[in-house]
N, C-alpha and C. Protein backbone atom coordinates (compact mmCIF):
# COMPACT_ATOMS: atom_id res chain seq x y z
N UNK A 1 0.98 16.33 1.67
CA UNK A 1 2.42 16.19 1.72
C UNK A 1 2.80 15.22 2.85
N UNK A 2 3.75 14.38 2.54
CA UNK A 2 4.30 13.46 3.52
C UNK A 2 5.59 14.08 4.07
N UNK A 3 6.12 13.46 5.13
CA UNK A 3 7.35 13.99 5.73
C UNK A 3 8.28 12.85 6.09
N UNK A 4 9.55 13.00 5.69
CA UNK A 4 10.61 12.09 6.08
C UNK A 4 11.44 12.76 7.17
N UNK A 5 11.61 12.05 8.29
CA UNK A 5 12.45 12.54 9.36
C UNK A 5 13.68 11.64 9.44
N UNK A 6 14.84 12.26 9.61
CA UNK A 6 16.09 11.53 9.68
C UNK A 6 16.63 11.62 11.10
N UNK A 7 16.60 10.50 11.82
CA UNK A 7 17.03 10.49 13.21
C UNK A 7 18.51 10.81 13.36
N UNK A 8 19.32 10.48 12.36
CA UNK A 8 20.77 10.71 12.44
C UNK A 8 21.12 12.18 12.62
N UNK A 9 20.40 13.05 11.90
CA UNK A 9 20.77 14.46 11.94
C UNK A 9 19.62 15.40 12.29
N UNK A 10 18.44 14.85 12.55
CA UNK A 10 17.30 15.67 12.95
C UNK A 10 16.59 16.39 11.81
N UNK A 11 17.03 16.19 10.59
CA UNK A 11 16.38 16.87 9.46
C UNK A 11 15.00 16.30 9.19
N UNK A 12 14.10 17.16 8.72
CA UNK A 12 12.76 16.78 8.31
C UNK A 12 12.52 17.37 6.94
N UNK A 13 12.09 16.53 6.00
CA UNK A 13 11.90 16.98 4.63
C UNK A 13 10.51 16.58 4.16
N UNK A 14 9.76 17.54 3.65
CA UNK A 14 8.45 17.25 3.08
C UNK A 14 8.61 16.73 1.67
N UNK A 15 7.84 15.71 1.34
CA UNK A 15 7.85 15.11 0.01
C UNK A 15 6.41 14.88 -0.43
N UNK A 16 6.21 14.74 -1.71
CA UNK A 16 4.88 14.46 -2.22
C UNK A 16 4.41 13.08 -1.77
N UNK A 17 3.13 12.96 -1.47
CA UNK A 17 2.55 11.65 -1.19
C UNK A 17 2.81 10.73 -2.37
N UNK A 18 3.03 9.47 -2.09
CA UNK A 18 3.25 8.41 -3.09
C UNK A 18 4.52 8.64 -3.92
N UNK A 19 5.52 9.28 -3.32
CA UNK A 19 6.77 9.51 -4.05
C UNK A 19 7.88 8.59 -3.53
N UNK A 20 8.82 8.29 -4.41
CA UNK A 20 9.98 7.49 -4.03
C UNK A 20 10.83 8.31 -3.05
N UNK A 21 11.47 7.61 -2.12
CA UNK A 21 12.28 8.32 -1.12
C UNK A 21 13.77 8.30 -1.46
N UNK A 22 14.17 7.62 -2.51
CA UNK A 22 15.58 7.42 -2.84
C UNK A 22 16.34 8.74 -2.99
N UNK A 23 15.82 9.67 -3.76
CA UNK A 23 16.55 10.92 -4.01
C UNK A 23 16.78 11.71 -2.72
N UNK A 24 15.73 11.81 -1.91
CA UNK A 24 15.85 12.55 -0.65
C UNK A 24 16.85 11.86 0.27
N UNK A 25 16.77 10.54 0.36
CA UNK A 25 17.70 9.80 1.21
C UNK A 25 19.14 9.98 0.75
N UNK A 26 19.34 9.95 -0.56
CA UNK A 26 20.70 10.11 -1.09
C UNK A 26 21.24 11.50 -0.78
N UNK A 27 20.40 12.53 -0.91
CA UNK A 27 20.82 13.90 -0.61
C UNK A 27 21.22 14.05 0.86
N UNK A 28 20.56 13.32 1.74
CA UNK A 28 20.83 13.41 3.18
C UNK A 28 22.10 12.65 3.56
N UNK A 29 22.48 11.66 2.75
CA UNK A 29 23.71 10.94 3.05
C UNK A 29 23.59 9.43 3.10
N UNK A 30 22.39 8.90 2.83
CA UNK A 30 22.26 7.45 2.76
C UNK A 30 23.07 6.97 1.55
N UNK A 31 23.98 6.00 1.74
CA UNK A 31 24.79 5.54 0.61
C UNK A 31 23.98 4.71 -0.38
N UNK A 32 24.24 4.89 -1.65
CA UNK A 32 23.58 4.13 -2.71
C UNK A 32 24.65 3.56 -3.64
N UNK A 33 24.35 2.41 -4.23
CA UNK A 33 25.26 1.83 -5.22
C UNK A 33 24.45 1.44 -6.45
N UNK A 34 23.74 0.32 -6.41
CA UNK A 34 23.09 -0.19 -7.61
C UNK A 34 21.72 0.44 -7.89
N UNK A 35 21.00 0.87 -6.88
CA UNK A 35 19.64 1.42 -6.95
C UNK A 35 18.61 0.44 -7.53
N UNK A 36 18.94 -0.84 -7.55
CA UNK A 36 18.01 -1.84 -8.09
C UNK A 36 17.58 -2.86 -7.04
N UNK A 37 17.99 -2.67 -5.79
CA UNK A 37 17.55 -3.54 -4.71
C UNK A 37 18.31 -4.84 -4.57
N UNK A 38 19.51 -4.91 -5.13
CA UNK A 38 20.25 -6.16 -5.02
C UNK A 38 21.55 -6.04 -4.22
N UNK A 39 22.05 -4.84 -3.98
CA UNK A 39 23.34 -4.72 -3.29
C UNK A 39 23.20 -4.51 -1.78
N UNK A 40 22.10 -3.90 -1.35
CA UNK A 40 21.88 -3.67 0.07
C UNK A 40 22.59 -2.48 0.66
N UNK A 41 23.21 -1.68 -0.17
CA UNK A 41 23.94 -0.51 0.32
C UNK A 41 23.02 0.49 1.02
N UNK A 42 21.81 0.61 0.55
CA UNK A 42 20.89 1.65 1.04
C UNK A 42 19.92 1.15 2.11
N UNK A 43 20.31 0.14 2.87
CA UNK A 43 19.44 -0.35 3.94
C UNK A 43 19.23 0.76 4.96
N UNK A 44 17.98 1.01 5.29
CA UNK A 44 17.62 1.99 6.32
C UNK A 44 16.81 1.28 7.40
N UNK A 45 16.84 1.84 8.60
CA UNK A 45 16.00 1.35 9.69
C UNK A 45 14.82 2.30 9.83
N UNK A 46 13.63 1.75 9.76
CA UNK A 46 12.42 2.56 9.93
C UNK A 46 12.10 2.59 11.43
N UNK A 47 12.27 3.75 12.04
CA UNK A 47 12.06 3.93 13.46
C UNK A 47 10.57 4.09 13.76
N UNK A 48 9.89 4.78 12.85
CA UNK A 48 8.47 5.06 13.03
C UNK A 48 7.83 5.26 11.67
N UNK A 49 6.61 4.76 11.50
CA UNK A 49 5.86 5.01 10.29
C UNK A 49 5.98 3.96 9.21
N UNK A 50 6.35 2.73 9.55
CA UNK A 50 6.48 1.67 8.54
C UNK A 50 5.20 1.52 7.71
N UNK A 51 4.04 1.70 8.36
CA UNK A 51 2.77 1.59 7.64
C UNK A 51 2.57 2.67 6.60
N UNK A 52 3.36 3.74 6.69
CA UNK A 52 3.25 4.84 5.73
C UNK A 52 4.10 4.62 4.48
N UNK A 53 4.81 3.49 4.43
CA UNK A 53 5.62 3.17 3.26
C UNK A 53 4.91 2.14 2.39
N UNK A 54 5.30 2.08 1.13
CA UNK A 54 4.75 1.11 0.19
C UNK A 54 5.05 -0.31 0.66
N UNK A 55 4.35 -1.26 0.08
CA UNK A 55 4.59 -2.67 0.40
C UNK A 55 5.99 -3.07 -0.02
N UNK A 56 6.51 -4.12 0.62
CA UNK A 56 7.83 -4.63 0.27
C UNK A 56 7.84 -5.08 -1.19
N UNK A 57 8.92 -4.75 -1.89
CA UNK A 57 9.09 -5.23 -3.26
C UNK A 57 9.70 -6.63 -3.20
N UNK A 58 9.66 -7.33 -4.32
CA UNK A 58 10.27 -8.65 -4.38
C UNK A 58 11.76 -8.56 -4.08
N UNK A 59 12.40 -7.50 -4.54
CA UNK A 59 13.84 -7.31 -4.30
C UNK A 59 14.12 -7.19 -2.81
N UNK A 60 13.26 -6.46 -2.09
CA UNK A 60 13.45 -6.34 -0.64
C UNK A 60 13.23 -7.67 0.06
N UNK A 61 12.21 -8.39 -0.34
CA UNK A 61 11.95 -9.69 0.27
C UNK A 61 13.11 -10.64 0.02
N UNK A 62 13.66 -10.62 -1.18
CA UNK A 62 14.80 -11.49 -1.50
C UNK A 62 16.03 -11.11 -0.69
N UNK A 63 16.28 -9.81 -0.53
CA UNK A 63 17.50 -9.36 0.14
C UNK A 63 17.36 -9.35 1.66
N UNK A 64 16.24 -8.82 2.16
CA UNK A 64 16.08 -8.61 3.59
C UNK A 64 15.37 -9.75 4.31
N UNK A 65 14.67 -10.60 3.57
CA UNK A 65 13.84 -11.60 4.22
C UNK A 65 12.55 -10.94 4.70
N UNK A 66 12.24 -11.10 5.97
CA UNK A 66 11.02 -10.50 6.53
C UNK A 66 11.37 -9.69 7.77
N UNK A 67 12.08 -8.58 7.60
CA UNK A 67 12.52 -7.80 8.75
C UNK A 67 11.39 -6.95 9.33
N UNK A 68 11.54 -6.62 10.61
CA UNK A 68 10.55 -5.77 11.27
C UNK A 68 10.77 -4.30 10.99
N UNK A 69 12.03 -3.92 10.81
CA UNK A 69 12.32 -2.48 10.74
C UNK A 69 13.16 -2.05 9.55
N UNK A 70 13.69 -2.97 8.78
CA UNK A 70 14.58 -2.57 7.68
C UNK A 70 13.85 -2.48 6.35
N UNK A 71 14.32 -1.54 5.54
CA UNK A 71 13.85 -1.37 4.16
C UNK A 71 15.05 -1.01 3.30
N UNK A 72 14.89 -1.14 1.99
CA UNK A 72 15.87 -0.63 1.04
C UNK A 72 15.35 0.71 0.54
N UNK A 73 16.09 1.77 0.79
CA UNK A 73 15.64 3.11 0.42
C UNK A 73 15.38 3.24 -1.07
N UNK A 74 16.11 2.48 -1.87
CA UNK A 74 15.94 2.58 -3.33
C UNK A 74 14.63 1.95 -3.81
N UNK A 75 13.98 1.19 -2.95
CA UNK A 75 12.81 0.43 -3.38
C UNK A 75 11.48 0.96 -2.84
N UNK A 76 11.48 1.80 -1.83
CA UNK A 76 10.19 2.16 -1.24
C UNK A 76 9.75 3.58 -1.54
N UNK A 77 8.44 3.72 -1.44
CA UNK A 77 7.79 5.02 -1.60
C UNK A 77 7.08 5.35 -0.31
N UNK A 78 6.94 6.64 -0.05
CA UNK A 78 6.16 7.07 1.11
C UNK A 78 4.74 7.33 0.62
N UNK A 79 3.78 6.68 1.25
CA UNK A 79 2.39 6.84 0.84
C UNK A 79 1.83 8.16 1.34
N UNK A 80 2.03 8.45 2.61
CA UNK A 80 1.56 9.68 3.24
C UNK A 80 2.06 9.68 4.68
N UNK A 81 1.76 10.72 5.41
CA UNK A 81 2.11 10.76 6.82
C UNK A 81 3.58 11.02 7.07
N UNK A 82 4.05 10.54 8.21
CA UNK A 82 5.42 10.78 8.65
C UNK A 82 6.16 9.45 8.78
N UNK A 83 7.39 9.43 8.29
CA UNK A 83 8.26 8.26 8.43
C UNK A 83 9.58 8.75 9.00
N UNK A 84 10.02 8.13 10.09
CA UNK A 84 11.30 8.45 10.70
C UNK A 84 12.25 7.30 10.42
N UNK A 85 13.45 7.64 9.92
CA UNK A 85 14.42 6.60 9.58
C UNK A 85 15.79 6.90 10.19
N UNK A 86 16.60 5.83 10.28
CA UNK A 86 18.02 5.92 10.63
C UNK A 86 18.78 5.21 9.53
N UNK A 87 19.98 5.67 9.26
CA UNK A 87 20.80 5.02 8.24
C UNK A 87 22.21 4.84 8.74
């Protein structure tokens, strides 16, 4: 089991390894609009554990460029381990 930590409110939620994080993020309060990686509404800051997330999708590269800490919550999966985010 992997774990998502939310710096905004201190919540920690266990999720299955290799699962999408969109549903959990939305339940916590991350805003979503298109869910296809083109609007940027769901930009999150990865505080810790970037290596525990899936590789950048083409949609993220097109929208975000090559950021050090930002991801689109609708596009990434948690591979394993712990990921701490801010939104």
